[in-house]
N, C-alpha and C. Protein backbone atom coordinates (compact mmCIF):
# COMPACT_ATOMS: atom_id res chain seq x y z
N MET A 1 -21.23 -0.53 -4.61
CA MET A 1 -21.30 -1.12 -5.93
C MET A 1 -20.52 -0.28 -6.95
N ILE A 2 -20.66 1.04 -6.85
CA ILE A 2 -19.94 1.93 -7.77
C ILE A 2 -18.43 1.79 -7.57
N THR A 3 -18.00 1.68 -6.32
CA THR A 3 -16.57 1.54 -6.03
C THR A 3 -16.03 0.25 -6.64
N LEU A 4 -16.76 -0.83 -6.52
CA LEU A 4 -16.34 -2.10 -7.09
C LEU A 4 -16.24 -1.99 -8.61
N LEU A 5 -17.19 -1.34 -9.22
CA LEU A 5 -17.17 -1.14 -10.67
C LEU A 5 -15.97 -0.28 -11.08
N SER A 6 -15.70 0.76 -10.32
CA SER A 6 -14.56 1.63 -10.61
C SER A 6 -13.24 0.88 -10.49
N TYR A 7 -13.09 0.10 -9.43
CA TYR A 7 -11.87 -0.68 -9.25
C TYR A 7 -11.71 -1.70 -10.36
N THR A 8 -12.79 -2.30 -10.80
CA THR A 8 -12.73 -3.27 -11.89
C THR A 8 -12.28 -2.62 -13.18
N ILE A 9 -12.82 -1.45 -13.48
CA ILE A 9 -12.42 -0.73 -14.70
C ILE A 9 -10.95 -0.33 -14.64
N VAL A 10 -10.50 0.15 -13.49
CA VAL A 10 -9.09 0.53 -13.34
C VAL A 10 -8.19 -0.70 -13.49
N LEU A 11 -8.57 -1.82 -12.90
CA LEU A 11 -7.78 -3.04 -13.00
C LEU A 11 -7.69 -3.52 -14.45
N ILE A 12 -8.80 -3.50 -15.16
CA ILE A 12 -8.79 -3.92 -16.56
C ILE A 12 -7.92 -2.99 -17.39
N THR A 13 -8.00 -1.70 -17.13
CA THR A 13 -7.17 -0.73 -17.85
C THR A 13 -5.69 -0.98 -17.59
N ILE A 14 -5.33 -1.21 -16.34
CA ILE A 14 -3.92 -1.49 -15.99
C ILE A 14 -3.44 -2.75 -16.69
N LEU A 15 -4.26 -3.78 -16.71
CA LEU A 15 -3.88 -5.03 -17.37
C LEU A 15 -3.71 -4.84 -18.88
N LEU A 16 -4.59 -4.07 -19.50
CA LEU A 16 -4.46 -3.82 -20.94
C LEU A 16 -3.20 -3.02 -21.26
N VAL A 17 -2.91 -2.01 -20.48
CA VAL A 17 -1.70 -1.22 -20.70
C VAL A 17 -0.46 -2.07 -20.48
N ALA A 18 -0.44 -2.84 -19.39
CA ALA A 18 0.72 -3.67 -19.08
C ALA A 18 0.95 -4.74 -20.13
N SER A 19 -0.13 -5.27 -20.70
CA SER A 19 0.03 -6.32 -21.71
C SER A 19 0.57 -5.77 -23.03
N HIS A 20 0.41 -4.48 -23.27
CA HIS A 20 0.90 -3.88 -24.51
C HIS A 20 2.08 -2.95 -24.28
N LEU A 21 2.72 -3.06 -23.14
CA LEU A 21 3.83 -2.16 -22.82
C LEU A 21 5.02 -2.36 -23.75
N ARG A 22 5.30 -3.59 -24.13
CA ARG A 22 6.43 -3.86 -25.02
C ARG A 22 6.21 -3.23 -26.39
N VAL A 23 4.99 -3.34 -26.92
CA VAL A 23 4.67 -2.74 -28.22
C VAL A 23 4.79 -1.22 -28.13
N PHE A 24 4.31 -0.65 -27.04
CA PHE A 24 4.42 0.79 -26.84
C PHE A 24 5.88 1.23 -26.81
N ALA A 25 6.71 0.49 -26.10
CA ALA A 25 8.14 0.83 -26.01
C ALA A 25 8.81 0.72 -27.39
N GLN A 26 8.47 -0.31 -28.15
CA GLN A 26 9.06 -0.46 -29.48
C GLN A 26 8.63 0.67 -30.40
N ASP A 27 7.36 1.04 -30.37
CA ASP A 27 6.87 2.13 -31.21
C ASP A 27 7.50 3.46 -30.81
N ALA A 28 7.63 3.70 -29.51
CA ALA A 28 8.23 4.95 -29.05
C ALA A 28 9.69 5.02 -29.48
N TYR A 29 10.42 3.90 -29.37
CA TYR A 29 11.82 3.87 -29.78
C TYR A 29 11.95 4.13 -31.28
N ALA A 30 11.10 3.49 -32.08
CA ALA A 30 11.15 3.68 -33.53
C ALA A 30 10.84 5.13 -33.91
N MET A 31 9.87 5.73 -33.25
CA MET A 31 9.52 7.11 -33.52
C MET A 31 10.66 8.05 -33.16
N LEU A 32 11.27 7.85 -31.99
CA LEU A 32 12.39 8.70 -31.57
C LEU A 32 13.58 8.54 -32.50
N ARG A 33 13.87 7.32 -32.91
CA ARG A 33 14.99 7.07 -33.82
C ARG A 33 14.76 7.76 -35.17
N ASN A 34 13.54 7.64 -35.70
CA ASN A 34 13.24 8.27 -36.99
C ASN A 34 13.30 9.79 -36.90
N GLU A 35 12.77 10.34 -35.83
CA GLU A 35 12.82 11.80 -35.67
C GLU A 35 14.24 12.30 -35.47
N PHE A 36 15.05 11.53 -34.75
CA PHE A 36 16.46 11.91 -34.55
C PHE A 36 17.19 11.93 -35.89
N GLN A 37 16.98 10.90 -36.71
CA GLN A 37 17.63 10.85 -38.02
C GLN A 37 17.14 11.98 -38.92
N ALA A 38 15.84 12.27 -38.89
CA ALA A 38 15.31 13.36 -39.71
C ALA A 38 15.86 14.70 -39.25
N SER A 39 16.02 14.88 -37.95
CA SER A 39 16.58 16.13 -37.43
C SER A 39 18.04 16.28 -37.84
N LEU A 40 18.77 15.20 -37.85
CA LEU A 40 20.16 15.25 -38.31
C LEU A 40 20.24 15.65 -39.77
N GLU A 41 19.35 15.09 -40.60
CA GLU A 41 19.37 15.39 -42.03
C GLU A 41 18.98 16.84 -42.31
N ARG A 42 18.05 17.38 -41.52
CA ARG A 42 17.59 18.75 -41.74
C ARG A 42 18.47 19.78 -41.03
N GLY A 43 19.37 19.32 -40.18
CA GLY A 43 20.25 20.22 -39.47
C GLY A 43 19.56 20.97 -38.33
N ARG A 44 18.50 20.40 -37.78
CA ARG A 44 17.75 21.06 -36.72
C ARG A 44 17.84 20.29 -35.40
N LEU A 45 18.88 19.51 -35.24
CA LEU A 45 19.00 18.69 -34.04
C LEU A 45 19.18 19.54 -32.79
N LEU A 46 20.05 20.52 -32.85
CA LEU A 46 20.34 21.34 -31.67
C LEU A 46 19.12 22.11 -31.20
N SER A 47 18.38 22.70 -32.13
CA SER A 47 17.19 23.46 -31.72
C SER A 47 16.12 22.53 -31.17
N GLY A 48 16.00 21.34 -31.72
CA GLY A 48 15.03 20.37 -31.21
C GLY A 48 15.38 19.89 -29.81
N LEU A 49 16.67 19.65 -29.58
CA LEU A 49 17.11 19.24 -28.25
C LEU A 49 16.92 20.36 -27.23
N ALA A 50 17.17 21.59 -27.66
CA ALA A 50 16.97 22.73 -26.76
C ALA A 50 15.49 22.89 -26.41
N PHE A 51 14.62 22.71 -27.39
CA PHE A 51 13.18 22.81 -27.15
C PHE A 51 12.72 21.69 -26.21
N GLY A 52 13.20 20.47 -26.43
CA GLY A 52 12.86 19.36 -25.54
C GLY A 52 13.38 19.59 -24.14
N GLY A 53 14.59 20.11 -24.03
CA GLY A 53 15.15 20.42 -22.71
C GLY A 53 14.35 21.49 -21.99
N LEU A 54 13.86 22.46 -22.74
CA LEU A 54 13.03 23.50 -22.14
C LEU A 54 11.76 22.91 -21.54
N TRP A 55 11.11 22.01 -22.26
CA TRP A 55 9.88 21.40 -21.73
C TRP A 55 10.17 20.51 -20.53
N VAL A 56 11.28 19.79 -20.56
CA VAL A 56 11.65 18.98 -19.39
C VAL A 56 11.89 19.88 -18.19
N LEU A 57 12.56 21.00 -18.40
CA LEU A 57 12.81 21.95 -17.33
C LEU A 57 11.50 22.53 -16.79
N ILE A 58 10.58 22.89 -17.67
CA ILE A 58 9.30 23.45 -17.24
C ILE A 58 8.52 22.45 -16.40
N PHE A 59 8.40 21.24 -16.89
CA PHE A 59 7.63 20.24 -16.15
C PHE A 59 8.36 19.80 -14.88
N GLY A 60 9.68 19.75 -14.94
CA GLY A 60 10.45 19.40 -13.75
C GLY A 60 10.28 20.42 -12.64
N LEU A 61 10.33 21.70 -12.99
CA LEU A 61 10.14 22.74 -12.00
C LEU A 61 8.71 22.82 -11.50
N ALA A 62 7.76 22.40 -12.32
CA ALA A 62 6.37 22.43 -11.89
C ALA A 62 6.10 21.42 -10.77
N TYR A 63 6.88 20.35 -10.73
CA TYR A 63 6.66 19.31 -9.72
C TYR A 63 7.47 19.52 -8.46
N ILE A 64 8.36 20.50 -8.46
CA ILE A 64 9.18 20.75 -7.27
C ILE A 64 8.42 21.60 -6.30
């Protein structure tokens, strides 16, 4: 019974996430675009990209 309940909750969660995936993608794109423009205006684009690259490298190496 617990397994059935767990699978039901996971299925409902997957359906809710999948139904709002487009909104999530639009919000993520708008946030990235705004932050990119703000970084260009403040002159901190290079340091921000280097910091992001560092985190990608850290997480990438953690999975290898």
